[in-house]
C-alpha atoms as a PDB file:
ATOM      1  CA  MET A   1      27.607   3.911   5.221  1.00  0.00           C
ATOM      2  CA  LYS A   2      26.891   3.080   8.858  1.00  0.00           C
ATOM      3  CA  ALA A   3      25.561   6.593   9.361  1.00  0.00           C
ATOM      4  CA  LEU A   4      23.228   6.211   6.383  1.00  0.00           C
ATOM      5  CA  SER A   5      22.087   2.859   7.735  1.00  0.00           C
ATOM      6  CA  LYS A   6      21.204   4.435  11.078  1.00  0.00           C
ATOM      7  CA  ILE A   7      19.392   7.310   9.385  1.00  0.00           C
ATOM      8  CA  SER A   8      17.491   4.839   7.193  1.00  0.00           C
ATOM      9  CA  SER A   9      16.480   2.761  10.206  1.00  0.00           C
ATOM     10  CA  LEU A  10      15.373   5.852  12.133  1.00  0.00           C
ATOM     11  CA  ALA A  11      13.395   7.162   9.162  1.00  0.00           C
ATOM     12  CA  GLY A  12      11.675   3.800   8.778  1.00  0.00           C
ATOM     13  CA  LYS A  13      10.564   3.814  12.411  1.00  0.00           C
ATOM     14  CA  HIS A  14       9.119   7.317  12.107  1.00  0.00           C
ATOM     15  CA  PHE A  15       7.894   7.174   8.513  1.00  0.00           C
ATOM     16  CA  ALA A  16       4.324   8.224   9.323  1.00  0.00           C
ATOM     17  CA  LEU A  17       5.504  11.167  11.429  1.00  0.00           C
ATOM     18  CA  ILE A  18       7.870  12.299   8.669  1.00  0.00           C
ATOM     19  CA  VAL A  19       5.071  12.266   6.089  1.00  0.00           C
ATOM     20  CA  ILE A  20       2.747  14.181   8.418  1.00  0.00           C
ATOM     21  CA  VAL A  21       5.346  16.831   9.297  1.00  0.00           C
ATOM     22  CA  PHE A  22       6.263  17.470   5.662  1.00  0.00           C
ATOM     23  CA  SER A  23       2.603  17.461   4.633  1.00  0.00           C
ATOM     24  CA  VAL A  24       1.862  20.190   7.185  1.00  0.00           C
ATOM     25  CA  LEU A  25       4.908  22.127   6.009  1.00  0.00           C
ATOM     26  CA  ALA A  26       3.774  21.770   2.384  1.00  0.00           C
ATOM     27  CA  PHE A  27       0.315  23.022   3.334  1.00  0.00           C
ATOM     28  CA  MET A  28       1.717  26.053   5.139  1.00  0.00           C
ATOM     29  CA  VAL A  29       4.464  26.874   2.608  1.00  0.00           C
ATOM     30  CA  PRO A  30       3.354  25.290  -0.683  1.00  0.00           C
ATOM     31  CA  SER A  31       5.995  27.089  -2.743  1.00  0.00           C
ATOM     32  CA  LEU A  32       8.664  24.822  -1.220  1.00  0.00           C
ATOM     33  CA  PHE A  33       7.170  21.663  -2.740  1.00  0.00           C
ATOM     34  CA  SER A  34       4.812  22.597  -5.588  1.00  0.00           C
ATOM     35  CA  SER A  35       7.531  22.292  -8.250  1.00  0.00           C
ATOM     36  CA  PHE A  36       8.068  18.615  -7.361  1.00  0.00           C
ATOM     37  CA  GLY A  37       4.663  17.780  -8.830  1.00  0.00           C
ATOM     38  CA  ALA A  38       6.263  17.380 -12.241  1.00  0.00           C
ATOM     39  CA  TYR A  39       8.494  14.576 -10.950  1.00  0.00           C
ATOM     40  CA  ILE A  40       5.911  12.341  -9.254  1.00  0.00           C
ATOM     41  CA  THR A  41       6.073   9.638 -11.925  1.00  0.00           C
ATOM     42  CA  ILE A  42       9.880   9.555 -11.859  1.00  0.00           C
ATOM     43  CA  LEU A  43       9.946   9.378  -8.069  1.00  0.00           C
ATOM     44  CA  LEU A  44       7.489   6.482  -8.060  1.00  0.00           C
ATOM     45  CA  GLY A  45       9.653   4.724 -10.645  1.00  0.00           C
ATOM     46  CA  VAL A  46      12.597   5.081  -8.259  1.00  0.00           C
ATOM     47  CA  VAL A  47      10.561   3.463  -5.469  1.00  0.00           C
ATOM     48  CA  MET A  48       9.560   0.578  -7.744  1.00  0.00           C
ATOM     49  CA  PHE A  49      13.152   0.119  -8.920  1.00  0.00           C
ATOM     50  CA  GLY A  50      14.121  -0.238  -5.280  1.00  0.00           C
ATOM     51  CA  MET A  51      11.399  -2.847  -4.857  1.00  0.00           C
ATOM     52  CA  GLY A  52      12.808  -4.755  -7.810  1.00  0.00           C
ATOM     53  CA  LEU A  53      16.263  -4.734  -6.232  1.00  0.00           C
ATOM     54  CA  THR A  54      14.897  -6.501  -3.180  1.00  0.00           C
ATOM     55  CA  LEU A  55      12.859  -9.150  -5.032  1.00  0.00           C
ATOM     56  CA  LYS A  56      14.137 -12.679  -5.452  1.00  0.00           C
ATOM     57  CA  ALA A  57      12.816 -15.758  -7.213  1.00  0.00           C
ATOM     58  CA  SER A  58      12.042 -17.212  -3.788  1.00  0.00           C
ATOM     59  CA  ASP A  59       9.505 -14.418  -3.257  1.00  0.00           C
ATOM     60  CA  PHE A  60       7.260 -16.204  -5.762  1.00  0.00           C
ATOM     61  CA  LYS A  61       7.872 -19.673  -4.353  1.00  0.00           C
ATOM     62  CA  LEU A  62       4.548 -19.780  -2.513  1.00  0.00           C
ATOM     63  CA  VAL A  63       2.672 -19.274  -5.783  1.00  0.00           C
ATOM     64  CA  PHE A  64       3.787 -22.756  -6.799  1.00  0.00           C
ATOM     65  CA  THR A  65       4.260 -24.557  -3.488  1.00  0.00           C
ATOM     66  CA  ASN A  66       1.189 -23.307  -1.589  1.00  0.00           C
ATOM     67  CA  PRO A  67      -0.962 -21.155  -3.897  1.00  0.00           C
ATOM     68  CA  ILE A  68      -4.269 -21.195  -1.982  1.00  0.00           C
ATOM     69  CA  PRO A  69      -3.432 -18.494   0.632  1.00  0.00           C
ATOM     70  CA  VAL A  70      -1.845 -16.341  -2.075  1.00  0.00           C
ATOM     71  CA  LEU A  71      -4.948 -16.693  -4.245  1.00  0.00           C
ATOM     72  CA  ILE A  72      -7.231 -15.874  -1.318  1.00  0.00           C
ATOM     73  CA  GLY A  73      -5.169 -12.819  -0.425  1.00  0.00           C
ATOM     74  CA  VAL A  74      -4.910 -11.426  -3.950  1.00  0.00           C
ATOM     75  CA  VAL A  75      -8.615 -11.976  -4.663  1.00  0.00           C
ATOM     76  CA  ALA A  76      -9.438 -10.242  -1.372  1.00  0.00           C
ATOM     77  CA  GLN A  77      -7.101  -7.377  -2.321  1.00  0.00           C
ATOM     78  CA  PHE A  78      -8.728  -6.701  -5.685  1.00  0.00           C
ATOM     79  CA  SER A  79     -12.331  -7.311  -4.582  1.00  0.00           C
ATOM     80  CA  ILE A  80     -12.658  -5.873  -1.082  1.00  0.00           C
ATOM     81  CA  MET A  81     -10.812  -2.586  -1.542  1.00  0.00           C
ATOM     82  CA  PRO A  82     -12.433  -1.243  -4.745  1.00  0.00           C
ATOM     83  CA  THR A  83     -15.879  -2.361  -3.590  1.00  0.00           C
ATOM     84  CA  ILE A  84     -15.489  -0.625  -0.233  1.00  0.00           C
ATOM     85  CA  ALA A  85     -14.201   2.499  -1.963  1.00  0.00           C
ATOM     86  CA  PHE A  86     -17.219   2.534  -4.262  1.00  0.00           C
ATOM     87  CA  LEU A  87     -19.680   2.116  -1.367  1.00  0.00           C
ATOM     88  CA  ILE A  88     -17.974   4.789   0.766  1.00  0.00           C
ATOM     89  CA  ALA A  89     -17.927   7.235  -2.147  1.00  0.00           C
ATOM     90  CA  TYR A  90     -21.658   6.782  -2.655  1.00  0.00           C
ATOM     91  CA  SER A  91     -22.492   6.845   1.053  1.00  0.00           C
ATOM     92  CA  LEU A  92     -20.567  10.068   1.671  1.00  0.00           C
ATOM     93  CA  LYS A  93     -21.740  11.563  -1.636  1.00  0.00           C
ATOM     94  CA  LEU A  94     -18.198  12.484  -2.553  1.00  0.00           C
ATOM     95  CA  PRO A  95     -17.597  14.897  -5.454  1.00  0.00           C
ATOM     96  CA  ALA A  96     -16.749  13.129  -8.714  1.00  0.00           C
ATOM     97  CA  GLU A  97     -12.980  13.749  -8.489  1.00  0.00           C
ATOM     98  CA  LEU A  98     -12.727  12.535  -4.891  1.00  0.00           C
ATOM     99  CA  ALA A  99     -14.969   9.531  -5.597  1.00  0.00           C
ATOM    100  CA  ALA A 100     -12.808   8.458  -8.537  1.00  0.00           C
ATOM    101  CA  GLY A 101      -9.668   9.078  -6.479  1.00  0.00           C
ATOM    102  CA  LEU A 102     -10.916   6.874  -3.654  1.00  0.00           C
ATOM    103  CA  VAL A 103     -11.817   4.080  -6.081  1.00  0.00           C
ATOM    104  CA  LEU A 104      -8.366   4.463  -7.635  1.00  0.00           C
ATOM    105  CA  LEU A 105      -6.813   4.026  -4.185  1.00  0.00           C
ATOM    106  CA  GLY A 106      -8.856   0.854  -3.768  1.00  0.00           C
ATOM    107  CA  SER A 107      -7.846  -0.485  -7.180  1.00  0.00           C
ATOM    108  CA  VAL A 108      -4.062  -0.263  -6.893  1.00  0.00           C
ATOM    109  CA  PRO A 109      -1.966  -3.195  -5.573  1.00  0.00           C
ATOM    110  CA  GLY A 110      -0.660  -3.607  -2.044  1.00  0.00           C
ATOM    111  CA  GLY A 111       2.056  -1.281  -0.784  1.00  0.00           C
ATOM    112  CA  THR A 112       5.609  -2.379  -0.074  1.00  0.00           C
ATOM    113  CA  SER A 113       5.550  -1.029   3.487  1.00  0.00           C
ATOM    114  CA  SER A 114       2.984  -3.715   4.302  1.00  0.00           C
ATOM    115  CA  ASN A 115       5.774  -6.316   4.337  1.00  0.00           C
ATOM    116  CA  VAL A 116       7.472  -4.484   7.200  1.00  0.00           C
ATOM    117  CA  MET A 117       4.189  -4.220   9.097  1.00  0.00           C
ATOM    118  CA  VAL A 118       3.518  -7.954   8.714  1.00  0.00           C
ATOM    119  CA  TYR A 119       7.011  -8.677  10.006  1.00  0.00           C
ATOM    120  CA  LEU A 120       6.408  -6.461  13.055  1.00  0.00           C
ATOM    121  CA  ALA A 121       3.001  -8.103  13.585  1.00  0.00           C
ATOM    122  CA  LYS A 122       4.643 -11.564  13.596  1.00  0.00           C
ATOM    123  CA  GLY A 123       2.527 -12.571  10.628  1.00  0.00           C
ATOM    124  CA  ASN A 124       3.409 -14.705   7.620  1.00  0.00           C
ATOM    125  CA  VAL A 125       6.090 -12.546   5.963  1.00  0.00           C
ATOM    126  CA  PRO A 126       6.676 -14.813   2.908  1.00  0.00           C
ATOM    127  CA  LEU A 127       2.936 -14.698   2.186  1.00  0.00           C
ATOM    128  CA  SER A 128       2.974 -10.905   2.536  1.00  0.00           C
ATOM    129  CA  ILE A 129       5.913 -10.497   0.150  1.00  0.00           C
ATOM    130  CA  THR A 130       4.352 -12.866  -2.382  1.00  0.00           C
ATOM    131  CA  MET A 131       1.005 -11.053  -2.231  1.00  0.00           C
ATOM    132  CA  THR A 132       2.673  -7.678  -2.776  1.00  0.00           C
ATOM    133  CA  SER A 133       4.695  -9.018  -5.701  1.00  0.00           C
ATOM    134  CA  VAL A 134       1.800 -10.814  -7.391  1.00  0.00           C
ATOM    135  CA  SER A 135      -0.686  -7.956  -6.949  1.00  0.00           C
ATOM    136  CA  THR A 136       1.894  -5.496  -8.298  1.00  0.00           C
ATOM    137  CA  LEU A 137       2.500  -7.616 -11.399  1.00  0.00           C
ATOM    138  CA  LEU A 138      -1.273  -7.894 -11.921  1.00  0.00           C
ATOM    139  CA  ALA A 139      -1.770  -4.131 -11.536  1.00  0.00           C
ATOM    140  CA  PRO A 140      -1.468  -3.209 -15.259  1.00  0.00           C
ATOM    141  CA  ILE A 141      -4.549  -5.330 -15.941  1.00  0.00           C
ATOM    142  CA  MET A 142      -6.518  -5.177 -12.692  1.00  0.00           C
ATOM    143  CA  THR A 143      -6.246  -1.467 -11.861  1.00  0.00           C
ATOM    144  CA  PRO A 144      -7.602  -0.112 -15.199  1.00  0.00           C
ATOM    145  CA  PHE A 145     -10.241  -2.859 -15.289  1.00  0.00           C
ATOM    146  CA  LEU A 146     -11.503  -2.085 -11.777  1.00  0.00           C
ATOM    147  CA  LEU A 147     -11.498   1.649 -12.443  1.00  0.00           C
ATOM    148  CA  LEU A 148     -13.530   1.136 -15.591  1.00  0.00           C
ATOM    149  CA  ILE A 149     -16.124  -0.832 -13.596  1.00  0.00           C
ATOM    150  CA  PHE A 150     -16.294   1.246 -10.419  1.00  0.00           C
ATOM    151  CA  ALA A 151     -15.267   4.790 -11.399  1.00  0.00           C
ATOM    152  CA  GLY A 152     -16.387   5.163 -15.021  1.00  0.00           C
ATOM    153  CA  GLN A 153     -19.567   6.970 -13.998  1.00  0.00           C
ATOM    154  CA  TRP A 154     -17.594   9.765 -12.322  1.00  0.00           C
ATOM    155  CA  LEU A 155     -14.695  10.423 -14.685  1.00  0.00           C
ATOM    156  CA  PRO A 156     -13.697   9.111 -18.126  1.00  0.00           C
ATOM    157  CA  ILE A 157     -11.328   6.119 -17.951  1.00  0.00           C
ATOM    158  CA  ASP A 158      -8.781   5.251 -20.624  1.00  0.00           C
ATOM    159  CA  PRO A 159      -7.808   1.684 -19.651  1.00  0.00           C
ATOM    160  CA  MET A 160      -5.221   1.170 -22.422  1.00  0.00           C
ATOM    161  CA  SER A 161      -3.325   4.363 -21.637  1.00  0.00           C
ATOM    162  CA  MET A 162      -3.425   3.536 -17.944  1.00  0.00           C
ATOM    163  CA  PHE A 163      -2.199   0.015 -18.707  1.00  0.00           C
ATOM    164  CA  MET A 164       0.821   1.433 -20.536  1.00  0.00           C
ATOM    165  CA  SER A 165       1.516   3.930 -17.752  1.00  0.00           C
ATOM    166  CA  ILE A 166       1.563   1.225 -15.091  1.00  0.00           C
ATOM    167  CA  ILE A 167       3.891  -0.852 -17.277  1.00  0.00           C
ATOM    168  CA  GLN A 168       6.244   2.112 -17.589  1.00  0.00           C
ATOM    169  CA  VAL A 169       6.042   3.327 -13.993  1.00  0.00           C
ATOM    170  CA  ILE A 170       5.801   0.004 -12.152  1.00  0.00           C
ATOM    171  CA  ILE A 171       6.712  -3.057 -14.190  1.00  0.00           C
ATOM    172  CA  ILE A 172       9.736  -1.763 -16.133  1.00  0.00           C
ATOM    173  CA  PRO A 173      11.484  -0.308 -13.037  1.00  0.00           C
ATOM    174  CA  ILE A 174      10.823  -3.557 -11.140  1.00  0.00           C
ATOM    175  CA  ILE A 175      12.254  -5.629 -14.000  1.00  0.00           C
ATOM    176  CA  LEU A 176      15.317  -3.370 -14.151  1.00  0.00           C
ATOM    177  CA  GLY A 177      15.751  -3.812 -10.410  1.00  0.00           C
ATOM    178  CA  LEU A 178      15.470  -7.575 -10.757  1.00  0.00           C
ATOM    179  CA  LEU A 179      18.122  -7.574 -13.510  1.00  0.00           C
ATOM    180  CA  VAL A 180      20.515  -5.466 -11.454  1.00  0.00           C
ATOM    181  CA  ASN A 181      19.928  -7.746  -8.465  1.00  0.00           C
ATOM    182  CA  LYS A 182      20.687 -10.823 -10.590  1.00  0.00           C
ATOM    183  CA  PHE A 183      23.720  -9.617 -12.550  1.00  0.00           C
ATOM    184  CA  LEU A 184      25.198  -7.072 -10.105  1.00  0.00           C
ATOM    185  CA  PRO A 185      24.529  -8.605  -6.679  1.00  0.00           C
ATOM    186  CA  THR A 186      27.431  -6.702  -5.125  1.00  0.00           C
ATOM    187  CA  VAL A 187      25.829  -3.384  -6.007  1.00  0.00           C
ATOM    188  CA  THR A 188      22.521  -4.564  -4.568  1.00  0.00           C
ATOM    189  CA  SER A 189      24.041  -5.761  -1.302  1.00  0.00           C
ATOM    190  CA  LYS A 190      25.832  -2.442  -0.798  1.00  0.00           C
ATOM    191  CA  SER A 191      22.655  -0.469  -1.415  1.00  0.00           C
ATOM    192  CA  GLU A 192      20.337  -2.523   0.814  1.00  0.00           C
ATOM    193  CA  THR A 193      20.754  -0.274   3.826  1.00  0.00           C
ATOM    194  CA  VAL A 194      20.052   2.885   1.814  1.00  0.00           C
ATOM    195  CA  LEU A 195      17.069   1.662  -0.232  1.00  0.00           C
ATOM    196  CA  PRO A 196      14.449   2.200   2.502  1.00  0.00           C
ATOM    197  CA  LEU A 197      15.677   5.766   3.013  1.00  0.00           C
ATOM    198  CA  ILE A 198      15.458   6.501  -0.723  1.00  0.00           C
ATOM    199  CA  SER A 199      11.905   5.147  -0.838  1.00  0.00           C
ATOM    200  CA  ILE A 200      10.884   7.166   2.215  1.00  0.00           C
ATOM    201  CA  VAL A 201      12.326  10.370   0.747  1.00  0.00           C
ATOM    202  CA  ALA A 202      10.633   9.754  -2.611  1.00  0.00           C
ATOM    203  CA  ILE A 203       7.213   9.009  -1.101  1.00  0.00           C
ATOM    204  CA  THR A 204       7.477  12.007   1.247  1.00  0.00           C
ATOM    205  CA  ILE A 205       8.247  14.305  -1.684  1.00  0.00           C
ATOM    206  CA  ILE A 206       5.342  12.848  -3.679  1.00  0.00           C
ATOM    207  CA  VAL A 207       2.853  13.431  -0.856  1.00  0.00           C
ATOM    208  CA  SER A 208       4.229  16.897  -0.091  1.00  0.00           C
ATOM    209  CA  ALA A 209       3.924  17.907  -3.758  1.00  0.00           C
ATOM    210  CA  ILE A 210       0.288  16.799  -3.870  1.00  0.00           C
ATOM    211  CA  VAL A 211      -0.506  18.671  -0.656  1.00  0.00           C
ATOM    212  CA  ALA A 212       1.290  21.808  -1.874  1.00  0.00           C
ATOM    213  CA  ASN A 213      -0.618  21.825  -5.158  1.00  0.00           C
ATOM    214  CA  ASN A 214      -3.968  21.192  -3.442  1.00  0.00           C
ATOM    215  CA  LYS A 215      -3.875  23.606  -0.520  1.00  0.00           C
ATOM    216  CA  GLU A 216      -7.263  25.140  -1.308  1.00  0.00           C
ATOM    217  CA  ASN A 217      -8.897  21.781  -1.971  1.00  0.00           C
ATOM    218  CA  ILE A 218      -7.585  20.397   1.317  1.00  0.00           C
ATOM    219  CA  ALA A 219      -8.886  23.429   3.181  1.00  0.00           C
ATOM    220  CA  THR A 220     -12.392  22.820   1.854  1.00  0.00           C
ATOM    221  CA  ALA A 221     -12.559  19.022   1.547  1.00  0.00           C
ATOM    222  CA  GLY A 222      -9.809  17.791   3.868  1.00  0.00           C
ATOM    223  CA  ILE A 223     -12.080  16.428   6.607  1.00  0.00           C
ATOM    224  CA  LEU A 224     -14.288  14.608   4.114  1.00  0.00           C
ATOM    225  CA  VAL A 225     -11.265  13.006   2.441  1.00  0.00           C
ATOM    226  CA  PHE A 226      -9.803  11.985   5.781  1.00  0.00           C
ATOM    227  CA  VAL A 227     -13.052  10.311   6.872  1.00  0.00           C
ATOM    228  CA  ALA A 228     -13.269   8.444   3.558  1.00  0.00           C
ATOM    229  CA  VAL A 229      -9.662   7.238   3.800  1.00  0.00           C
ATOM    230  CA  LEU A 230     -10.088   6.279   7.471  1.00  0.00           C
ATOM    231  CA  LEU A 231     -13.164   4.156   6.672  1.00  0.00           C
ATOM    232  CA  HIS A 232     -11.554   2.621   3.600  1.00  0.00           C
ATOM    233  CA  ASN A 233      -8.394   1.579   5.430  1.00  0.00           C
ATOM    234  CA  GLY A 234     -10.266   0.370   8.517  1.00  0.00           C
ATOM    235  CA  PHE A 235     -12.716  -1.802   6.596  1.00  0.00           C
ATOM    236  CA  GLY A 236      -9.859  -3.155   4.484  1.00  0.00           C
ATOM    237  CA  LEU A 237      -7.917  -4.308   7.534  1.00  0.00           C
ATOM    238  CA  LEU A 238     -11.031  -5.787   9.157  1.00  0.00           C
ATOM    239  CA  LEU A 239     -12.510  -7.541   6.132  1.00  0.00           C
ATOM    240  CA  GLY A 240      -9.118  -8.802   5.000  1.00  0.00           C
ATOM    241  CA  TYR A 241      -8.726 -10.473   8.378  1.00  0.00           C
ATOM    242  CA  TYR A 242     -12.174 -12.010   8.362  1.00  0.00           C
ATOM    243  CA  ALA A 243     -11.812 -13.248   4.778  1.00  0.00           C
ATOM    244  CA  ALA A 244      -8.741 -15.250   5.846  1.00  0.00           C
ATOM    245  CA  LYS A 245     -10.419 -16.324   9.074  1.00  0.00           C
ATOM    246  CA  ALA A 246     -13.578 -17.518   7.311  1.00  0.00           C
ATOM    247  CA  LEU A 247     -11.457 -19.760   5.098  1.00  0.00           C
ATOM    248  CA  ARG A 248      -9.690 -21.257   8.127  1.00  0.00           C
ATOM    249  CA  LEU A 249      -6.196 -19.982   7.358  1.00  0.00           C
ATOM    250  CA  SER A 250      -3.620 -19.856  10.139  1.00  0.00           C
ATOM    251  CA  ARG A 251      -3.478 -16.856  12.427  1.00  0.00           C
ATOM    252  CA  GLN A 252      -0.174 -15.732  10.911  1.00  0.00           C
ATOM    253  CA  ASP A 253      -1.850 -15.807   7.485  1.00  0.00           C
ATOM    254  CA  GLN A 254      -4.814 -13.860   8.836  1.00  0.00           C
ATOM    255  CA  ARG A 255      -2.505 -11.105  10.043  1.00  0.00           C
ATOM    256  CA  ALA A 256      -0.608 -11.003   6.759  1.00  0.00           C
ATOM    257  CA  ILE A 257      -3.732 -10.840   4.598  1.00  0.00           C
ATOM    258  CA  SER A 258      -5.357  -8.237   6.849  1.00  0.00           C
ATOM    259  CA  ILE A 259      -2.397  -5.861   6.524  1.00  0.00           C
ATOM    260  CA  GLU A 260      -1.842  -6.616   2.832  1.00  0.00           C
ATOM    261  CA  VAL A 261      -5.462  -5.880   1.972  1.00  0.00           C
ATOM    262  CA  GLY A 262      -5.666  -2.764   4.139  1.00  0.00           C
ATOM    263  CA  MET A 263      -2.449  -1.099   2.952  1.00  0.00           C
ATOM    264  CA  GLN A 264      -2.413   0.131  -0.653  1.00  0.00           C
ATOM    265  CA  ASN A 265       0.309   1.382  -2.986  1.00  0.00           C
ATOM    266  CA  SER A 266      -0.741   4.985  -2.408  1.00  0.00           C
ATOM    267  CA  GLY A 267       2.233   6.307  -4.403  1.00  0.00           C
ATOM    268  CA  LEU A 268       0.868   4.637  -7.530  1.00  0.00           C
ATOM    269  CA  GLY A 269      -2.556   6.055  -6.730  1.00  0.00           C
ATOM    270  CA  VAL A 270      -1.122   9.569  -6.533  1.00  0.00           C
ATOM    271  CA  ALA A 271       0.819   9.180  -9.799  1.00  0.00           C
ATOM    272  CA  LEU A 272      -2.135   7.785 -11.768  1.00  0.00           C
ATOM    273  CA  ALA A 273      -4.559  10.377 -10.360  1.00  0.00           C
ATOM    274  CA  ALA A 274      -2.203  13.210 -11.291  1.00  0.00           C
ATOM    275  CA  ALA A 275      -1.719  11.793 -14.795  1.00  0.00           C
ATOM    276  CA  TYR A 276      -5.295  10.793 -15.708  1.00  0.00           C
ATOM    277  CA  PHE A 277      -7.694  12.602 -13.400  1.00  0.00           C
ATOM    278  CA  THR A 278      -7.301  15.868 -11.500  1.00  0.00           C
ATOM    279  CA  PRO A 279      -5.074  16.993  -8.608  1.00  0.00           C
ATOM    280  CA  LEU A 280      -8.119  16.717  -6.333  1.00  0.00           C
ATOM    281  CA  ALA A 281      -8.444  13.017  -7.206  1.00  0.00           C
ATOM    282  CA  ALA A 282      -4.943  12.438  -5.846  1.00  0.00           C
ATOM    283  CA  LEU A 283      -5.908  13.544  -2.317  1.00  0.00           C
ATOM    284  CA  PRO A 284      -7.261  10.169  -1.074  1.00  0.00           C
ATOM    285  CA  SER A 285      -4.009   8.435  -2.003  1.00  0.00           C
ATOM    286  CA  ALA A 286      -1.937  11.264  -0.530  1.00  0.00           C
ATOM    287  CA  PHE A 287      -3.839  11.091   2.770  1.00  0.00           C
ATOM    288  CA  ALA A 288      -3.573   7.300   2.775  1.00  0.00           C
ATOM    289  CA  SER A 289       0.233   7.483   2.498  1.00  0.00           C
ATOM    290  CA  ALA A 290       0.420   8.692   6.080  1.00  0.00           C
ATOM    291  CA  TRP A 291      -2.734   7.238   7.597  1.00  0.00           C
ATOM    292  CA  GLN A 292      -2.272   3.595   6.606  1.00  0.00           C
ATOM    293  CA  VAL A 293       1.271   3.615   8.010  1.00  0.00           C
ATOM    294  CA  ILE A 294      -0.137   4.879  11.328  1.00  0.00           C
ATOM    295  CA  THR A 295      -2.870   2.222  11.520  1.00  0.00           C
ATOM    296  CA  GLY A 296      -0.509  -0.473  10.261  1.00  0.00           C
ATOM    297  CA  THR A 297       2.023   0.371  12.942  1.00  0.00           C
ATOM    298  CA  ILE A 298      -0.607   0.403  15.695  1.00  0.00           C
ATOM    299  CA  LEU A 299      -2.097  -2.912  14.594  1.00  0.00           C
ATOM    300  CA  ALA A 300       1.324  -4.523  14.143  1.00  0.00           C
ATOM    301  CA  SER A 301       2.411  -3.369  17.601  1.00  0.00           C
ATOM    302  CA  TYR A 302      -0.751  -4.787  19.164  1.00  0.00           C
ATOM    303  CA  TRP A 303      -0.383  -8.141  17.446  1.00  0.00           C
ATOM    304  CA  ALA A 304       3.330  -8.307  18.251  1.00  0.00           C
ATOM    305  CA  LYS A 305       2.446  -8.268  21.951  1.00  0.00           C
ATOM    306  CA  HIS A 306       0.130 -11.238  21.439  1.00  0.00           C
ATOM    307  CA  GLU A 307       2.346 -13.671  19.614  1.00  0.00           C
ATOM    308  CA  VAL A 308       0.739 -16.997  18.831  1.00  0.00           C
ATOM    309  CA  PRO A 309       2.447 -20.401  18.739  1.00  0.00           C
ATOM    310  CA  THR A 310       3.892 -21.479  15.405  1.00  0.00           C
ATOM    311  CA  GLU A 311       1.072 -22.897  13.311  1.00  0.00           C
ATOM    312  CA  PRO A 312       1.046 -25.223  10.306  1.00  0.00           C
ATOM    313  CA  THR A 313       1.879 -23.839   6.883  1.00  0.00           C
ATOM    314  CA  SER A 314      -1.069 -22.166   5.194  1.00  0.00           C
ATOM    315  CA  THR A 315      -3.681 -24.673   4.147  1.00  0.00           C
ATOM    316  CA  LEU A 316      -7.397 -24.951   3.939  1.00  0.00           C
ATOM    317  CA  GLU A 317      -7.440 -27.666   6.582  1.00  0.00           C
ATOM    318  CA  VAL A 318     -10.231 -27.210   9.071  1.00  0.00           C
ATOM    319  CA  GLN A 319      -8.980 -25.349  12.103  1.00  0.00           C
ATOM    320  CA  PRO A 320     -10.902 -23.764  14.973  1.00  0.00           C
ATOM    321  CA  LEU A 321     -12.139 -20.281  14.224  1.00  0.00           C
ATOM    322  CA  GLN A 322     -10.099 -17.744  16.147  1.00  0.00           C
ATOM    323  CA  ASP A 323     -10.736 -14.271  17.454  1.00  0.00           C
ATOM    324  CA  PRO A 324      -9.297 -11.507  15.243  1.00  0.00           C
ATOM    325  CA  PHE A 325      -7.613  -9.845  18.211  1.00  0.00           C
ATOM    326  CA  PRO A 326      -6.257 -12.657  20.423  1.00  0.00           C
ATOM    327  CA  ASP A 327      -6.015 -12.517  24.163  1.00  0.00           C
ATOM    328  CA  VAL A 328      -8.372  -9.561  24.526  1.00  0.00           C
ATOM    329  CA  GLU A 329      -9.733 -11.261  27.625  1.00  0.00           C
ATOM    330  CA  GLU A 330      -6.293 -11.214  29.219  1.00  0.00           C
ATOM    331  CA  LEU A 331      -6.143  -7.457  28.839  1.00  0.00           C
ATOM    332  CA  SER A 332      -9.094  -7.084  31.155  1.00  0.00           C
ATOM    333  CA  LYS A 333      -7.595  -9.257  33.880  1.00  0.00           C
END
């Protein structure tokens, strides 16, 4: 078990590199991974079950004790990201499948790896966990609704079928995980060290399968997709930060909301694109799986070196506006 714990920890530290290496391998030898495409939904369900195992009632405490930052973060999540995706798709004149895929990436909830990034960035971890949990539970309603608004002109959207799919792939596995955590806590405690490794393996297989089954599409549209994902993630991180800053939240809250807004549940994006659109539409989410971990790690590392004093719990009390990247002046000294 100790060996698995070490492997899990090592894999977590090098998650982005692992995804990139296997993506390149899948591109060069697609036959190794193409057959896994049929199991994407199951693999995502495994990841969500693992998320459910780690959730506790306390993760939703902020919704009742201090709901304003949570509300700000979730509204930012479901307004900034799909809107940016829509504008980028139009600006870059993306093909219909890629445009819908980018909007889908912007319409899914926050990713679970964001909680780790917020922890590394010395941000408000409870706020991050609550935002991820709440946005995930809202996904069956918000994701189909946003797709219908922003992507209906590119590809046909079936909101009811998508609603049921998200319930099956996301909500049911999470509920099962919660039940196991509640009634079999011993099992949960023993599996805690292995859960991150299982999630990493599942997400890596999902991305590799998409790459393997889209080798030709990547060869022709890879650069365009990468630019779209880069812009989408970058604007999400930036605007998420400034949304929290404009509303005078604490700096720890600003960091948490920035990362939560910028990092999406790309695995869900891949699964829904494969089920309802085309394999090409899954490329933005597949690219984002690796890229947002890279940017999240870089940003978290930068912020971790510029720790701020402990600030009051999240409120809307008037506080001085602060620079998004503190102590930049010191770097030049």
